[in-house]
Amino acid sequence: MIIAIDADSMDLAAADHLLYDLIAAVDQPVVAVTHLVSGDDRPHVAVSLTSTADLAEPIREVVADRNVGLAITRPGATEPELAGPSRLVRGAYVAAVEAALGTKGRVVRWPGHEQGHGVLPAAELRTRCGIDELEGIGGVPVDDETLIDTLDFLRPVRRDGRLVLQVQPAAGDVLIPFELQHQQTCCTDH
C-alpha cells in the first residue's frame, strides 16, 4: 500500500516533520519518502509512505484536521483513492506515482536506516543500510574502504529504483552525507 500526502510543505524540514507524525501513528515498518512537487506557481514538498500493512485509517486520523491532498493506492486496485483540494491531490498523486515506480524522492525511512550510525567503511555502510550506491559529489572517488562519517543522519535519494547516498569531503579524511541534519540556508545573513 502507498499513501501519499501533499500538505503544501514549503521545505524538507516541514515535510520531515509531517513524516515523523505519520510514522509515529502507524507503528509499522515503512518506506518514507519526500517528493518535490513542481509545475504550478509554487513548488513544494509532498510525502509518501509505503508498507505491506494497511495504513489508511491511522493516516486519515493524523491528517483529519489538516488541509491536505491524499492519494491511497492499494494492491490490485485499478486507480487510487483521492481526497482533498485539487491542487494538493495533484501533488499527492505525483508522490504516489513516484513511490510506486521508485524512480524519484528523498528517502527518510527505509529498512536498514537504523544501522546508519558512526563512521563506517563504504562497503559496510552499503551492506548494513541497504544503500545501493555512494556517489561522491563533484566526482569525489568512493571505494569500498573509504570512511564515511554518517553523522547519524542519512537521507539517500531514489534514482531509477536504486538507493543512492550522495557524500562530500570533510575534515579528518572522511566523507560525510551531502545533506546534513542542520542545514544552513544559503545567504541567511544577507
C-alpha atoms as a PDB file:
ATOM      1  CA  MET A   1       0.000   0.000   0.000  1.00  0.00           C
ATOM      2  CA  ILE A   2       1.148   3.509  -0.818  1.00  0.00           C
ATOM      3  CA  ILE A   3      -0.259   6.558   0.912  1.00  0.00           C
ATOM      4  CA  ALA A   4       0.849   9.918  -0.411  1.00  0.00           C
ATOM      5  CA  ILE A   5       0.038  13.235   1.223  1.00  0.00           C
ATOM      6  CA  ASP A   6       0.511  16.745  -0.020  1.00  0.00           C
ATOM      7  CA  ALA A   7       0.240  19.164   2.913  1.00  0.00           C
ATOM      8  CA  ASP A   8       1.785  22.013   0.894  1.00  0.00           C
ATOM      9  CA  SER A   9       5.022  21.714   2.898  1.00  0.00           C
ATOM     10  CA  MET A  10       7.280  24.580   1.896  1.00  0.00           C
ATOM     11  CA  ASP A  11      10.573  22.850   2.691  1.00  0.00           C
ATOM     12  CA  LEU A  12      12.133  19.495   3.539  1.00  0.00           C
ATOM     13  CA  ALA A  13      12.103  20.182   7.285  1.00  0.00           C
ATOM     14  CA  ALA A  14       8.321  20.668   7.254  1.00  0.00           C
ATOM     15  CA  ALA A  15       7.887  17.527   5.143  1.00  0.00           C
ATOM     16  CA  ASP A  16      10.133  15.531   7.506  1.00  0.00           C
ATOM     17  CA  HIS A  17       8.069  16.764  10.452  1.00  0.00           C
ATOM     18  CA  LEU A  18       4.888  15.519   8.784  1.00  0.00           C
ATOM     19  CA  LEU A  19       6.535  12.166   8.042  1.00  0.00           C
ATOM     20  CA  TYR A  20       7.595  11.775  11.683  1.00  0.00           C
ATOM     21  CA  ASP A  21       3.981  12.386  12.769  1.00  0.00           C
ATOM     22  CA  LEU A  22       2.727   9.794  10.273  1.00  0.00           C
ATOM     23  CA  ILE A  23       5.383   7.204  11.148  1.00  0.00           C
ATOM     24  CA  ALA A  24       4.592   7.555  14.865  1.00  0.00           C
ATOM     25  CA  ALA A  25       0.909   6.922  14.134  1.00  0.00           C
ATOM     26  CA  VAL A  26       1.339   3.726  12.141  1.00  0.00           C
ATOM     27  CA  ASP A  27       3.903   1.790  14.231  1.00  0.00           C
ATOM     28  CA  GLN A  28       4.736  -0.366  11.183  1.00  0.00           C
ATOM     29  CA  PRO A  29       7.830  -0.784   9.012  1.00  0.00           C
ATOM     30  CA  VAL A  30       7.550   1.755   6.199  1.00  0.00           C
ATOM     31  CA  VAL A  31       9.487   3.351   3.418  1.00  0.00           C
ATOM     32  CA  ALA A  32       9.001   7.101   3.913  1.00  0.00           C
ATOM     33  CA  VAL A  33       9.921   9.474   1.113  1.00  0.00           C
ATOM     34  CA  THR A  34       9.682  13.185   0.329  1.00  0.00           C
ATOM     35  CA  HIS A  35       8.829  14.270  -3.222  1.00  0.00           C
ATOM     36  CA  LEU A  36       9.355  17.654  -4.848  1.00  0.00           C
ATOM     37  CA  VAL A  37       6.169  18.911  -6.474  1.00  0.00           C
ATOM     38  CA  SER A  38       6.620  21.422  -9.243  1.00  0.00           C
ATOM     39  CA  GLY A  39       4.572  22.530 -12.180  1.00  0.00           C
ATOM     40  CA  ASP A  40       2.417  25.152 -10.514  1.00  0.00           C
ATOM     41  CA  ASP A  41       3.191  28.632  -9.269  1.00  0.00           C
ATOM     42  CA  ARG A  42       4.803  27.465  -6.033  1.00  0.00           C
ATOM     43  CA  PRO A  43       6.990  24.351  -5.807  1.00  0.00           C
ATOM     44  CA  HIS A  44       6.605  22.472  -2.549  1.00  0.00           C
ATOM     45  CA  VAL A  45       7.136  19.038  -0.965  1.00  0.00           C
ATOM     46  CA  ALA A  46       4.770  16.065  -0.660  1.00  0.00           C
ATOM     47  CA  VAL A  47       5.409  12.800   1.208  1.00  0.00           C
ATOM     48  CA  SER A  48       4.659   9.112   0.780  1.00  0.00           C
ATOM     49  CA  LEU A  49       4.596   6.024   2.973  1.00  0.00           C
ATOM     50  CA  THR A  50       4.844   2.534   1.515  1.00  0.00           C
ATOM     51  CA  SER A  51       4.075  -0.537   3.600  1.00  0.00           C
ATOM     52  CA  THR A  52       2.708  -4.046   3.357  1.00  0.00           C
ATOM     53  CA  ALA A  53       0.266  -3.124   6.148  1.00  0.00           C
ATOM     54  CA  ASP A  54      -2.980  -1.204   5.673  1.00  0.00           C
ATOM     55  CA  LEU A  55      -2.126   2.262   6.965  1.00  0.00           C
ATOM     56  CA  ALA A  56      -5.165   4.139   5.678  1.00  0.00           C
ATOM     57  CA  GLU A  57      -7.127   4.631   8.892  1.00  0.00           C
ATOM     58  CA  PRO A  58      -4.304   5.780  11.196  1.00  0.00           C
ATOM     59  CA  ILE A  59      -3.058   8.143   8.483  1.00  0.00           C
ATOM     60  CA  ARG A  60      -6.531   9.576   7.964  1.00  0.00           C
ATOM     61  CA  GLU A  61      -6.735  10.248  11.697  1.00  0.00           C
ATOM     62  CA  VAL A  62      -3.440  12.155  11.666  1.00  0.00           C
ATOM     63  CA  VAL A  63      -4.429  14.373   8.738  1.00  0.00           C
ATOM     64  CA  ALA A  64      -8.147  14.725   9.552  1.00  0.00           C
ATOM     65  CA  ASP A  65      -7.794  18.335  10.760  1.00  0.00           C
ATOM     66  CA  ARG A  66      -5.288  19.393   8.105  1.00  0.00           C
ATOM     67  CA  ASN A  67      -5.792  20.775   4.627  1.00  0.00           C
ATOM     68  CA  VAL A  68      -4.106  18.035   2.585  1.00  0.00           C
ATOM     69  CA  GLY A  69      -4.336  16.149  -0.655  1.00  0.00           C
ATOM     70  CA  LEU A  70      -4.422  12.396  -0.202  1.00  0.00           C
ATOM     71  CA  ALA A  71      -3.740   9.534  -2.642  1.00  0.00           C
ATOM     72  CA  ILE A  72      -4.142   5.959  -1.412  1.00  0.00           C
ATOM     73  CA  THR A  73      -3.048   3.118  -3.670  1.00  0.00           C
ATOM     74  CA  ARG A  74      -3.977  -0.389  -2.585  1.00  0.00           C
ATOM     75  CA  PRO A  75      -2.510  -3.565  -4.093  1.00  0.00           C
ATOM     76  CA  GLY A  76      -4.616  -4.720  -7.019  1.00  0.00           C
ATOM     77  CA  ALA A  77      -6.633  -1.505  -7.240  1.00  0.00           C
ATOM     78  CA  THR A  78      -7.154  -0.100 -10.717  1.00  0.00           C
ATOM     79  CA  GLU A  79      -6.973   3.500  -9.538  1.00  0.00           C
ATOM     80  CA  PRO A  80      -6.006   5.377  -6.371  1.00  0.00           C
ATOM     81  CA  GLU A  81      -8.440   6.748  -3.818  1.00  0.00           C
ATOM     82  CA  LEU A  82      -8.103  10.539  -3.941  1.00  0.00           C
ATOM     83  CA  ALA A  83      -9.308  13.204  -1.497  1.00  0.00           C
ATOM     84  CA  GLY A  84      -8.703  16.870  -0.747  1.00  0.00           C
ATOM     85  CA  PRO A  85      -8.277  20.136  -2.650  1.00  0.00           C
ATOM     86  CA  SER A  86      -7.451  19.511  -6.322  1.00  0.00           C
ATOM     87  CA  ARG A  87      -4.079  21.321  -6.257  1.00  0.00           C
ATOM     88  CA  LEU A  88      -2.926  19.186  -3.321  1.00  0.00           C
ATOM     89  CA  VAL A  89      -4.440  15.982  -4.711  1.00  0.00           C
ATOM     90  CA  ARG A  90      -2.273  16.537  -7.791  1.00  0.00           C
ATOM     91  CA  GLY A  91       0.857  16.674  -5.601  1.00  0.00           C
ATOM     92  CA  ALA A  92      -0.204  13.583  -3.656  1.00  0.00           C
ATOM     93  CA  TYR A  93      -0.846  11.729  -6.900  1.00  0.00           C
ATOM     94  CA  VAL A  94       2.614  12.644  -8.227  1.00  0.00           C
ATOM     95  CA  ALA A  95       4.175  11.432  -4.972  1.00  0.00           C
ATOM     96  CA  ALA A  96       2.215   8.158  -5.128  1.00  0.00           C
ATOM     97  CA  VAL A  97       3.352   7.511  -8.703  1.00  0.00           C
ATOM     98  CA  GLU A  98       6.992   8.272  -7.861  1.00  0.00           C
ATOM     99  CA  ALA A  99       6.774   5.999  -4.802  1.00  0.00           C
ATOM    100  CA  ALA A 100       5.288   3.183  -6.883  1.00  0.00           C
ATOM    101  CA  LEU A 101       7.935   3.487  -9.593  1.00  0.00           C
ATOM    102  CA  GLY A 102      10.820   4.026  -7.139  1.00  0.00           C
ATOM    103  CA  THR A 103      12.362   6.500  -9.533  1.00  0.00           C
ATOM    104  CA  LYS A 104      12.488   9.716  -7.506  1.00  0.00           C
ATOM    105  CA  GLY A 105      12.358  11.022  -3.985  1.00  0.00           C
ATOM    106  CA  ARG A 106      14.432  11.655  -0.903  1.00  0.00           C
ATOM    107  CA  VAL A 107      14.217   8.725   1.493  1.00  0.00           C
ATOM    108  CA  VAL A 108      13.714   9.453   5.183  1.00  0.00           C
ATOM    109  CA  ARG A 109      12.940   5.935   6.471  1.00  0.00           C
ATOM    110  CA  TRP A 110      13.695   2.555   4.888  1.00  0.00           C
ATOM    111  CA  PRO A 111      14.677  -0.946   6.031  1.00  0.00           C
ATOM    112  CA  GLY A 112      18.266  -0.549   7.245  1.00  0.00           C
ATOM    113  CA  HIS A 113      18.152   3.145   8.127  1.00  0.00           C
ATOM    114  CA  GLU A 114      18.594   2.273  11.804  1.00  0.00           C
ATOM    115  CA  GLN A 115      22.078   0.858  11.048  1.00  0.00           C
ATOM    116  CA  GLY A 116      23.441   4.145   9.702  1.00  0.00           C
ATOM    117  CA  HIS A 117      25.380   5.382  12.723  1.00  0.00           C
ATOM    118  CA  GLY A 118      29.012   6.300  13.321  1.00  0.00           C
ATOM    119  CA  VAL A 119      31.969   6.060  10.952  1.00  0.00           C
ATOM    120  CA  LEU A 120      31.864   3.095   8.596  1.00  0.00           C
ATOM    121  CA  PRO A 121      33.786   1.899   5.540  1.00  0.00           C
ATOM    122  CA  ALA A 122      31.715   2.483   2.397  1.00  0.00           C
ATOM    123  CA  ALA A 123      31.162  -1.226   1.718  1.00  0.00           C
ATOM    124  CA  GLU A 124      29.935  -1.815   5.267  1.00  0.00           C
ATOM    125  CA  LEU A 125      27.628   1.191   5.125  1.00  0.00           C
ATOM    126  CA  ARG A 126      26.068  -0.093   1.881  1.00  0.00           C
ATOM    127  CA  THR A 127      25.600  -3.582   3.309  1.00  0.00           C
ATOM    128  CA  ARG A 128      24.238  -2.512   6.699  1.00  0.00           C
ATOM    129  CA  CYS A 129      21.884   0.139   5.402  1.00  0.00           C
ATOM    130  CA  GLY A 130      20.746  -1.355   2.118  1.00  0.00           C
ATOM    131  CA  ILE A 131      22.173   1.536   0.125  1.00  0.00           C
ATOM    132  CA  ASP A 132      22.920   0.609  -3.479  1.00  0.00           C
ATOM    133  CA  GLU A 133      25.451   3.309  -4.278  1.00  0.00           C
ATOM    134  CA  LEU A 134      27.558   6.015  -2.642  1.00  0.00           C
ATOM    135  CA  GLU A 135      28.038   8.930  -5.005  1.00  0.00           C
ATOM    136  CA  GLY A 136      30.820  11.431  -4.389  1.00  0.00           C
ATOM    137  CA  ILE A 137      29.693  14.986  -5.137  1.00  0.00           C
ATOM    138  CA  GLY A 138      31.872  16.612  -7.790  1.00  0.00           C
ATOM    139  CA  GLY A 139      33.388  13.300  -8.801  1.00  0.00           C
ATOM    140  CA  VAL A 140      34.979  12.587  -5.411  1.00  0.00           C
ATOM    141  CA  PRO A 141      36.090   8.942  -5.579  1.00  0.00           C
ATOM    142  CA  VAL A 142      34.433   6.448  -3.212  1.00  0.00           C
ATOM    143  CA  ASP A 143      35.823   2.923  -2.911  1.00  0.00           C
ATOM    144  CA  ASP A 144      34.885   0.126  -0.523  1.00  0.00           C
ATOM    145  CA  GLU A 145      37.431   1.242   2.113  1.00  0.00           C
ATOM    146  CA  THR A 146      36.561   4.955   2.049  1.00  0.00           C
ATOM    147  CA  LEU A 147      35.443   6.031   5.509  1.00  0.00           C
ATOM    148  CA  ILE A 148      32.002   7.606   5.740  1.00  0.00           C
ATOM    149  CA  ASP A 149      31.038   9.542   8.862  1.00  0.00           C
ATOM    150  CA  THR A 150      27.258   9.177   8.814  1.00  0.00           C
ATOM    151  CA  LEU A 151      26.799  11.959  11.375  1.00  0.00           C
ATOM    152  CA  ASP A 152      23.854   9.741  12.388  1.00  0.00           C
ATOM    153  CA  PHE A 153      21.715  11.314   9.663  1.00  0.00           C
ATOM    154  CA  LEU A 154      21.294   9.718   6.244  1.00  0.00           C
ATOM    155  CA  ARG A 155      18.927  10.905   3.515  1.00  0.00           C
ATOM    156  CA  PRO A 156      19.605   8.896   0.352  1.00  0.00           C
ATOM    157  CA  VAL A 157      17.698   9.593  -2.842  1.00  0.00           C
ATOM    158  CA  ARG A 158      15.883   7.206  -5.105  1.00  0.00           C
ATOM    159  CA  ARG A 159      17.233   7.148  -8.597  1.00  0.00           C
ATOM    160  CA  ASP A 160      15.906   4.663 -11.158  1.00  0.00           C
ATOM    161  CA  GLY A 161      14.922   2.164  -8.490  1.00  0.00           C
ATOM    162  CA  ARG A 162      18.226   2.436  -6.639  1.00  0.00           C
ATOM    163  CA  LEU A 163      19.011   3.970  -3.257  1.00  0.00           C
ATOM    164  CA  VAL A 164      21.855   6.473  -3.733  1.00  0.00           C
ATOM    165  CA  LEU A 165      23.582   8.338  -0.890  1.00  0.00           C
ATOM    166  CA  GLN A 166      25.440  11.445  -2.006  1.00  0.00           C
ATOM    167  CA  VAL A 167      28.573  12.216   0.011  1.00  0.00           C
ATOM    168  CA  GLN A 168      31.099  15.043   0.189  1.00  0.00           C
ATOM    169  CA  PRO A 169      34.614  15.536   1.620  1.00  0.00           C
ATOM    170  CA  ALA A 170      35.009  16.639   5.225  1.00  0.00           C
ATOM    171  CA  ALA A 171      37.775  17.290   7.735  1.00  0.00           C
ATOM    172  CA  GLY A 172      39.544  14.223   9.075  1.00  0.00           C
ATOM    173  CA  ASP A 173      39.919  12.491   5.694  1.00  0.00           C
ATOM    174  CA  VAL A 174      36.390  11.143   5.711  1.00  0.00           C
ATOM    175  CA  LEU A 175      33.303  11.699   3.597  1.00  0.00           C
ATOM    176  CA  ILE A 176      30.021  12.882   5.084  1.00  0.00           C
ATOM    177  CA  PRO A 177      26.476  12.891   3.714  1.00  0.00           C
ATOM    178  CA  PHE A 178      25.783  15.743   1.309  1.00  0.00           C
ATOM    179  CA  GLU A 179      22.540  16.525   3.131  1.00  0.00           C
ATOM    180  CA  LEU A 180      23.252  17.485   6.711  1.00  0.00           C
ATOM    181  CA  GLN A 181      20.711  17.362   9.504  1.00  0.00           C
ATOM    182  CA  HIS A 182      21.103  21.039  10.301  1.00  0.00           C
ATOM    183  CA  GLN A 183      21.399  22.851   7.002  1.00  0.00           C
ATOM    184  CA  GLN A 184      22.429  26.480   6.922  1.00  0.00           C
ATOM    185  CA  THR A 185      20.330  28.236   4.366  1.00  0.00           C
ATOM    186  CA  CYS A 186      22.429  29.955   1.742  1.00  0.00           C
ATOM    187  CA  CYS A 187      22.683  33.730   2.204  1.00  0.00           C
ATOM    188  CA  THR A 188      20.898  33.726   5.581  1.00  0.00           C
ATOM    189  CA  ASP A 189      22.917  36.732   6.722  1.00  0.00           C
ATOM    190  CA  HIS A 190      22.375  38.893   3.642  1.00  0.00           C
END
